[in-house]
Every structure is written in structure tokens, then in C-alpha cells.
Amino acid sequence: MVYIFTALYCEAHIFIRQFNLVKNQECTWYQEFYNETAGIRLVITGVGEIAAAAVVSSVCSIYRPTPNDQLFNIGICAHTTKNEGIFLCNKIIEKTTNKTFYPDMLYRHPFNEGTIVTGMLPWITDHDNTQITEPSSTDKLYDMEAAAIYQAGIHFFDPHQMIFLKIVSDQGVLEDVSKEQTSLLMEKYQQFIFDHIELLSTISLKSRNDKYHLCTENEQLIETFCADLHCTKAMQDSMRQIIQYLTLSGIDYISIIQNMYEQKLLPCKDKKEGKQRFEEFKRKFL
């Protein structure tokens, strides 16, 4: 599932139209649209950090995202030096606390990357372009939701699952921003956004299928190996990750396990010996 969070309806309309999203009539204090077949759920949070954090927490608590899901925060922003463009945020700064967050950049993309500052109030300039509300430094994006969405989202998503795409609407002149202009900006860059969503959805689907294949193929081996090691639940989970890594890396770990049986190192007599054998097995590869 792809979870898309926007602050405004005029930022959301391109997704509602593109993915044939229908409104969830049961939601009363925020607007939610979805298409289960397409794997898209879009929510309009409202403007500001408090509204964004509250809605993201509520939605994720209800639907419980999985490790294969993605969170997208998409919308307009101000820029301290540029007056147009779409940016993928690789660094997020919360202006009030000066906390810094780093979404992981794992995949190639066509966007410029930038730092975004999130504040409780809009960043504005006067008519002489003198900063009234000044970000921490120049050449940055500025919005009112990204840091809050990251901090709420990190309880449900890993950093590589959260993507922040921002379209520049102004340079701190609020009079330049309107619903009509925002809609036009979203339409201008919509194909880049749709392509990126499709790419990450394909990667997530492949990852899920590969994981299922690996687990099915090695399940019996893992169960027997862990049972003979007297593994705890934490050790079993760690062993599954190790074996999936070794399989993907093309490393022959099966012969090592067989050799441990031939040398009478397995099965172990108790948990203490099993932990020792477990560490020996990991050291051979890691």
C-alpha cells in the first residue's frame, strides 16, 4: 500500500483523478480517499505540524503499515532562492526544536534534492524581499508539515519507506499562492510523481515476492537448524535475516551447516551451547 499525505485538497486532486480514488465516508475529521486494487490510500491532513502529526498517527494506527508499504508526503512549499521546481527532500529540519531528520535515499530518481525547513508559521518576505521569518540558512525549502509527518511516520515506517516530494510555489510571498496556482503546479509535475510512485511500488512488490520465495524455499532448513541450536525467538528472527542475506548474496551456507552436523557440533545439548554455535556460524560469513 502507498500512503499519500497532502495538506490541501488542491494538492490531492491529481491522485484522486489518476488512481480513481473514492472517498471514505466513515472519516469525519479528515478526508480520506482510497483504491484497494491500486494499493493507494490518500489522506488530506490540513495545514500545520499538529494537524499533520495527528492525522498520520491516526491513519497508521488504524491500518498498520507493513515493511513493504510506502509513505509519500507531497505538496507545495516556499523556497528561499528559487521560484520553481520539484525537489526530493534528503534532509528535514524542524525549525522550532532545530531537530534534523534524514530520509534514506536508496533509489535513483529524476529529482533535485534539497533540505526542507518545517515551521509552525509560513515563511514570508516583505515587498523588498527582506526575510521576516528567516530559515536557518539560505537555499532551502520551507513548509509546515514535513518534520511532523516524519516524526509521526517513523513509528510505523523505516526511513527508507518515507518520501518527501515538494513543489516550489513561491519565495515567501503569500499573495502568490492560490488554490488555482497550486492545482496547476501539481498537474505540471504529476507525471514525474506518478512515475516515481509506480517505480517504488514495483520495487516493493518484487521485494515482497522475493522474501516469500526465500522463506518458502528455506523454511524447513531454518526450522531444523534453529531447533537444533535451541534458538530463542530473537535468535530465530536473526537467523532468518542472515540466511536470506546469504541466499541473495549467492553464498553457500548449506555446506557449512551440513559440515557442522558431520562434526557433531549439532544438535546442541542446551541453549548455552546453541548460542555459542550460533555466534560461530555468524562469524563465518559476517
Protein backbone atom coordinates (compact mmCIF):
# COMPACT_ATOMS: atom_id res chain seq x y z
CA MET A 1 0.00 0.00 0.00
CA VAL A 2 1.13 3.54 -0.82
CA TYR A 3 0.06 6.12 1.76
CA ILE A 4 -0.05 9.66 0.35
CA PHE A 5 -0.41 12.61 2.70
CA THR A 6 -1.13 16.12 1.43
CA ALA A 7 -2.10 19.21 3.38
CA LEU A 8 -4.68 20.53 0.90
CA TYR A 9 -7.31 19.15 -1.45
CA CYS A 10 -5.83 21.15 -4.34
CA GLU A 11 -2.62 19.12 -3.83
CA ALA A 12 -4.55 15.85 -3.75
CA HIS A 13 -6.82 16.15 -6.77
CA ILE A 14 -4.30 14.74 -9.29
CA PHE A 15 -4.10 11.47 -7.33
CA ILE A 16 -7.86 11.19 -6.87
CA ARG A 17 -8.30 11.52 -10.62
CA GLN A 18 -5.32 9.37 -11.70
CA PHE A 19 -5.99 6.42 -9.41
CA ASN A 20 -9.82 6.62 -9.33
CA LEU A 21 -9.86 7.09 -5.58
CA VAL A 22 -13.16 7.03 -3.72
CA LYS A 23 -13.89 8.89 -0.51
CA ASN A 24 -14.10 7.04 2.79
CA GLN A 25 -17.42 8.31 4.13
CA GLU A 26 -16.69 6.98 7.62
CA CYS A 27 -13.94 9.56 8.22
CA THR A 28 -15.38 12.67 9.82
CA TRP A 29 -12.46 14.86 10.90
CA TYR A 30 -10.13 14.37 7.92
CA GLN A 31 -10.64 13.48 4.27
CA GLU A 32 -9.52 10.03 3.14
CA PHE A 33 -9.62 8.56 -0.37
CA TYR A 34 -8.59 5.06 -1.42
CA ASN A 35 -8.40 2.41 -4.10
CA GLU A 36 -7.58 -1.00 -2.66
CA THR A 37 -6.98 -2.52 -6.10
CA ALA A 38 -4.42 0.15 -6.99
CA GLY A 39 -2.93 -0.03 -3.50
CA ILE A 40 -3.32 3.73 -2.87
CA ARG A 41 -4.62 5.46 0.24
CA LEU A 42 -4.60 9.27 0.23
CA VAL A 43 -5.30 11.46 3.26
CA ILE A 44 -5.63 15.25 3.47
CA THR A 45 -4.15 16.30 6.81
CA GLY A 46 -4.85 20.01 6.90
CA VAL A 47 -2.18 22.68 7.32
CA GLY A 48 0.39 22.70 10.11
CA GLU A 49 2.51 20.35 12.19
CA ILE A 50 -0.10 19.45 14.80
CA ALA A 51 -2.76 18.55 12.24
CA ALA A 52 -0.27 16.56 10.12
CA ALA A 53 1.13 14.56 13.06
CA ALA A 54 -2.33 13.80 14.44
CA VAL A 55 -3.70 12.55 11.13
CA VAL A 56 -0.65 10.45 10.21
CA SER A 57 -0.70 8.79 13.65
CA SER A 58 -4.43 8.12 13.40
CA VAL A 59 -4.28 6.64 9.89
CA CYS A 60 -1.26 4.45 10.62
CA SER A 61 -2.75 3.22 13.90
CA ILE A 62 -5.88 2.11 12.05
CA TYR A 63 -4.26 0.43 9.03
CA ARG A 64 -0.89 -0.66 10.47
CA PRO A 65 1.54 -0.25 7.54
CA THR A 66 3.83 -3.16 6.67
CA PRO A 67 7.57 -3.12 5.82
CA ASN A 68 6.60 -3.18 2.13
CA ASP A 69 4.44 -0.06 2.27
CA GLN A 70 5.48 3.48 1.37
CA LEU A 71 4.66 6.90 2.81
CA PHE A 72 4.62 9.89 0.45
CA ASN A 73 4.29 13.47 1.66
CA ILE A 74 3.65 15.60 -1.42
CA GLY A 75 2.72 19.25 -1.71
CA ILE A 76 3.81 22.82 -2.29
CA CYS A 77 6.48 24.75 -0.41
CA ALA A 78 8.34 28.05 -0.42
CA HIS A 79 11.99 28.33 -1.45
CA THR A 80 14.47 30.88 -0.20
CA THR A 81 16.16 31.36 -3.58
CA LYS A 82 14.20 29.53 -6.33
CA ASN A 83 10.72 30.21 -7.65
CA GLU A 84 10.03 26.87 -9.38
CA GLY A 85 10.97 23.19 -9.43
CA ILE A 86 10.21 19.87 -7.73
CA PHE A 87 12.54 18.54 -5.02
CA LEU A 88 13.07 15.28 -3.18
CA CYS A 89 13.91 16.14 0.43
CA ASN A 90 17.04 14.42 1.75
CA LYS A 91 17.14 16.42 4.98
CA ILE A 92 14.33 17.77 7.15
CA ILE A 93 14.81 20.41 9.84
CA GLU A 94 12.18 21.24 12.44
CA LYS A 95 12.57 24.96 12.97
CA THR A 96 11.09 25.10 16.50
CA THR A 97 13.39 22.43 18.00
CA ASN A 98 16.21 22.51 15.42
CA LYS A 99 15.96 18.71 15.21
CA THR A 100 17.21 17.20 11.95
CA PHE A 101 15.89 14.08 10.18
CA TYR A 102 17.28 12.17 7.19
CA PRO A 103 15.01 10.05 4.97
CA ASP A 104 17.11 7.32 3.33
CA MET A 105 17.83 7.81 -0.39
CA LEU A 106 18.04 4.22 -1.68
CA TYR A 107 16.83 4.52 -5.28
CA ARG A 108 17.71 6.57 -8.31
CA HIS A 109 15.30 9.34 -9.14
CA PRO A 110 14.94 12.29 -11.56
CA PHE A 111 14.51 14.99 -8.92
CA ASN A 112 16.79 17.65 -7.50
CA GLU A 113 17.45 17.01 -3.82
CA GLY A 114 17.09 19.65 -1.14
CA THR A 115 16.81 20.46 2.55
CA ILE A 116 13.41 21.45 3.87
CA VAL A 117 12.69 23.50 6.99
CA THR A 118 9.34 22.93 8.71
CA GLY A 119 7.88 25.77 10.76
CA MET A 120 4.70 26.47 12.68
CA LEU A 121 4.12 29.62 10.60
CA PRO A 122 4.55 30.30 6.86
CA TRP A 123 7.92 31.63 5.77
CA ILE A 124 7.32 35.10 4.34
CA THR A 125 9.26 38.04 2.94
CA ASP A 126 8.28 41.65 2.69
CA HIS A 127 7.93 43.52 -0.62
CA ASP A 128 11.65 44.34 -0.63
CA ASN A 129 12.37 40.60 -0.35
CA THR A 130 13.79 41.01 3.16
CA GLN A 131 13.22 37.93 5.28
CA ILE A 132 10.75 38.41 8.12
CA THR A 133 10.61 34.79 9.26
CA GLU A 134 14.07 33.51 8.49
CA PRO A 135 15.03 29.84 7.97
CA SER A 136 18.28 28.61 9.50
CA SER A 137 20.18 29.35 6.30
CA THR A 138 19.65 30.24 2.65
CA ASP A 139 18.86 28.00 -0.33
CA LYS A 140 16.28 25.87 1.47
CA LEU A 141 12.72 24.73 1.03
CA TYR A 142 10.15 25.72 3.62
CA ASP A 143 6.84 24.08 4.59
CA MET A 144 4.60 23.47 7.61
CA GLU A 145 4.18 19.66 7.69
CA ALA A 146 7.22 17.57 6.64
CA ALA A 147 9.02 17.33 10.00
CA ALA A 148 5.81 16.43 11.81
CA ILE A 149 4.91 13.76 9.25
CA TYR A 150 8.40 12.28 9.53
CA GLN A 151 8.27 12.16 13.34
CA ALA A 152 4.83 10.57 13.38
CA GLY A 153 5.61 8.26 10.47
CA ILE A 154 8.86 6.89 11.93
CA HIS A 155 6.79 4.93 14.47
CA PHE A 156 5.30 2.93 11.58
CA PHE A 157 7.78 3.22 8.67
CA ASP A 158 11.55 2.91 8.31
CA PRO A 159 13.42 5.98 6.97
CA HIS A 160 13.75 4.41 3.51
CA GLN A 161 9.95 3.97 3.31
CA MET A 162 9.20 7.70 3.63
CA ILE A 163 9.46 10.01 0.62
CA PHE A 164 9.01 13.78 0.75
CA LEU A 165 8.37 15.49 -2.59
CA LYS A 166 7.89 19.26 -2.60
CA ILE A 167 6.96 21.62 -5.43
CA VAL A 168 8.07 25.25 -5.14
CA SER A 169 5.12 27.64 -5.25
CA ASP A 170 6.66 30.93 -4.09
CA GLN A 171 9.59 32.70 -2.46
CA GLY A 172 7.82 33.69 0.70
CA VAL A 173 5.16 35.90 -0.84
CA LEU A 174 1.81 34.54 0.35
CA GLU A 175 -0.11 36.61 -2.19
CA ASP A 176 1.47 34.49 -4.93
CA VAL A 177 -0.15 31.29 -3.62
CA SER A 178 -3.71 30.30 -4.52
CA LYS A 179 -5.74 27.11 -4.90
CA GLU A 180 -5.73 27.51 -8.68
CA GLN A 181 -1.96 28.01 -8.84
CA THR A 182 -1.38 25.01 -6.57
CA SER A 183 -3.56 22.80 -8.76
CA LEU A 184 -1.66 23.88 -11.88
CA LEU A 185 1.71 23.20 -10.22
CA MET A 186 0.63 19.70 -9.17
CA GLU A 187 -0.53 19.00 -12.73
CA LYS A 188 2.72 20.34 -14.17
CA TYR A 189 4.81 17.78 -12.28
CA GLN A 190 2.25 14.99 -11.97
CA GLN A 191 3.88 12.58 -14.42
CA PHE A 192 7.21 12.70 -12.55
CA ILE A 193 5.35 11.97 -9.32
CA PHE A 194 3.25 9.15 -10.79
CA ASP A 195 6.32 7.51 -12.34
CA HIS A 196 8.17 7.60 -9.02
CA ILE A 197 5.23 6.11 -7.14
CA GLU A 198 4.94 3.34 -9.73
CA LEU A 199 8.69 2.63 -9.53
CA LEU A 200 8.72 2.29 -5.76
CA SER A 201 5.52 0.22 -5.79
CA THR A 202 7.13 -2.19 -8.26
CA ILE A 203 10.26 -2.47 -6.12
CA SER A 204 8.16 -3.14 -3.00
CA LEU A 205 6.13 -5.82 -4.77
CA LYS A 206 9.26 -7.56 -6.05
CA SER A 207 10.82 -7.41 -2.60
CA ARG A 208 7.72 -8.95 -1.05
CA ASN A 209 7.61 -11.75 -3.63
CA ASP A 210 11.34 -12.47 -3.26
CA LYS A 211 11.00 -12.58 0.52
CA TYR A 212 8.10 -15.02 0.25
CA HIS A 213 10.06 -17.21 -2.15
CA LEU A 214 13.11 -17.26 0.09
CA CYS A 215 11.10 -18.07 3.18
CA THR A 216 9.24 -20.90 1.43
CA GLU A 217 12.42 -22.38 0.00
CA ASN A 218 14.40 -22.32 3.24
CA GLU A 219 11.69 -22.66 5.88
CA GLN A 220 12.32 -26.32 6.69
CA LEU A 221 16.08 -25.82 6.87
CA ILE A 222 15.70 -22.77 9.13
CA GLU A 223 13.27 -24.58 11.46
CA THR A 224 15.51 -27.62 11.86
CA PHE A 225 18.68 -25.56 12.25
CA CYS A 226 17.09 -23.26 14.84
CA ALA A 227 15.56 -26.16 16.76
CA ASP A 228 18.95 -27.90 17.00
CA LEU A 229 20.53 -24.63 18.15
CA HIS A 230 17.80 -24.18 20.82
CA CYS A 231 17.25 -20.69 19.42
CA THR A 232 15.21 -18.08 21.22
CA LYS A 233 12.62 -16.11 19.23
CA ALA A 234 15.10 -13.26 18.75
CA MET A 235 17.78 -15.70 17.53
CA GLN A 236 15.30 -17.28 15.09
CA ASP A 237 14.43 -13.90 13.59
CA SER A 238 18.11 -13.03 13.30
CA MET A 239 18.85 -16.39 11.64
CA ARG A 240 16.12 -15.84 9.05
CA GLN A 241 17.61 -12.48 8.12
CA ILE A 242 21.11 -13.94 7.88
CA ILE A 243 20.03 -16.84 5.67
CA GLN A 244 18.05 -14.54 3.36
CA TYR A 245 21.11 -12.31 3.06
CA LEU A 246 23.37 -15.29 2.31
CA THR A 247 20.92 -16.63 -0.28
CA LEU A 248 20.69 -13.28 -2.09
CA SER A 249 24.48 -12.97 -1.98
CA GLY A 250 24.95 -16.40 -3.54
CA ILE A 251 26.96 -17.69 -0.57
CA ASP A 252 26.97 -21.45 0.04
CA TYR A 253 25.87 -21.64 3.66
CA ILE A 254 24.18 -25.07 3.32
CA SER A 255 27.52 -26.89 3.15
CA ILE A 256 28.64 -25.10 6.31
CA ILE A 257 25.52 -26.25 8.15
CA GLN A 258 25.97 -29.81 6.87
CA ASN A 259 29.59 -29.75 7.98
CA MET A 260 28.51 -28.71 11.49
CA TYR A 261 26.32 -31.82 11.67
CA GLU A 262 29.13 -34.02 10.34
CA GLN A 263 31.46 -32.70 13.03
CA LYS A 264 28.84 -33.49 15.69
CA LEU A 265 28.53 -29.81 16.56
CA LEU A 266 24.78 -30.14 16.07
CA PRO A 267 22.32 -30.72 17.58
CA CYS A 268 23.33 -28.74 20.68
CA LYS A 269 22.65 -30.05 24.17
CA ASP A 270 21.31 -26.77 25.59
CA LYS A 271 20.72 -23.05 24.90
CA LYS A 272 24.18 -22.06 26.11
CA GLU A 273 25.90 -24.31 23.59
CA GLY A 274 23.39 -23.29 20.92
CA LYS A 275 24.24 -19.63 21.40
CA GLN A 276 27.93 -20.44 21.01
CA ARG A 277 27.31 -22.35 17.75
CA PHE A 278 25.05 -19.53 16.54
CA GLU A 279 27.84 -16.96 17.01
CA GLU A 280 30.35 -19.26 15.29
CA PHE A 281 28.03 -19.59 12.30
CA LYS A 282 27.60 -15.81 12.02
CA ARG A 283 31.37 -15.18 12.23
CA LYS A 284 32.00 -17.47 9.26
CA PHE A 285 30.06 -15.08 6.98
CA LEU A 286 29.69 -11.73 8.70
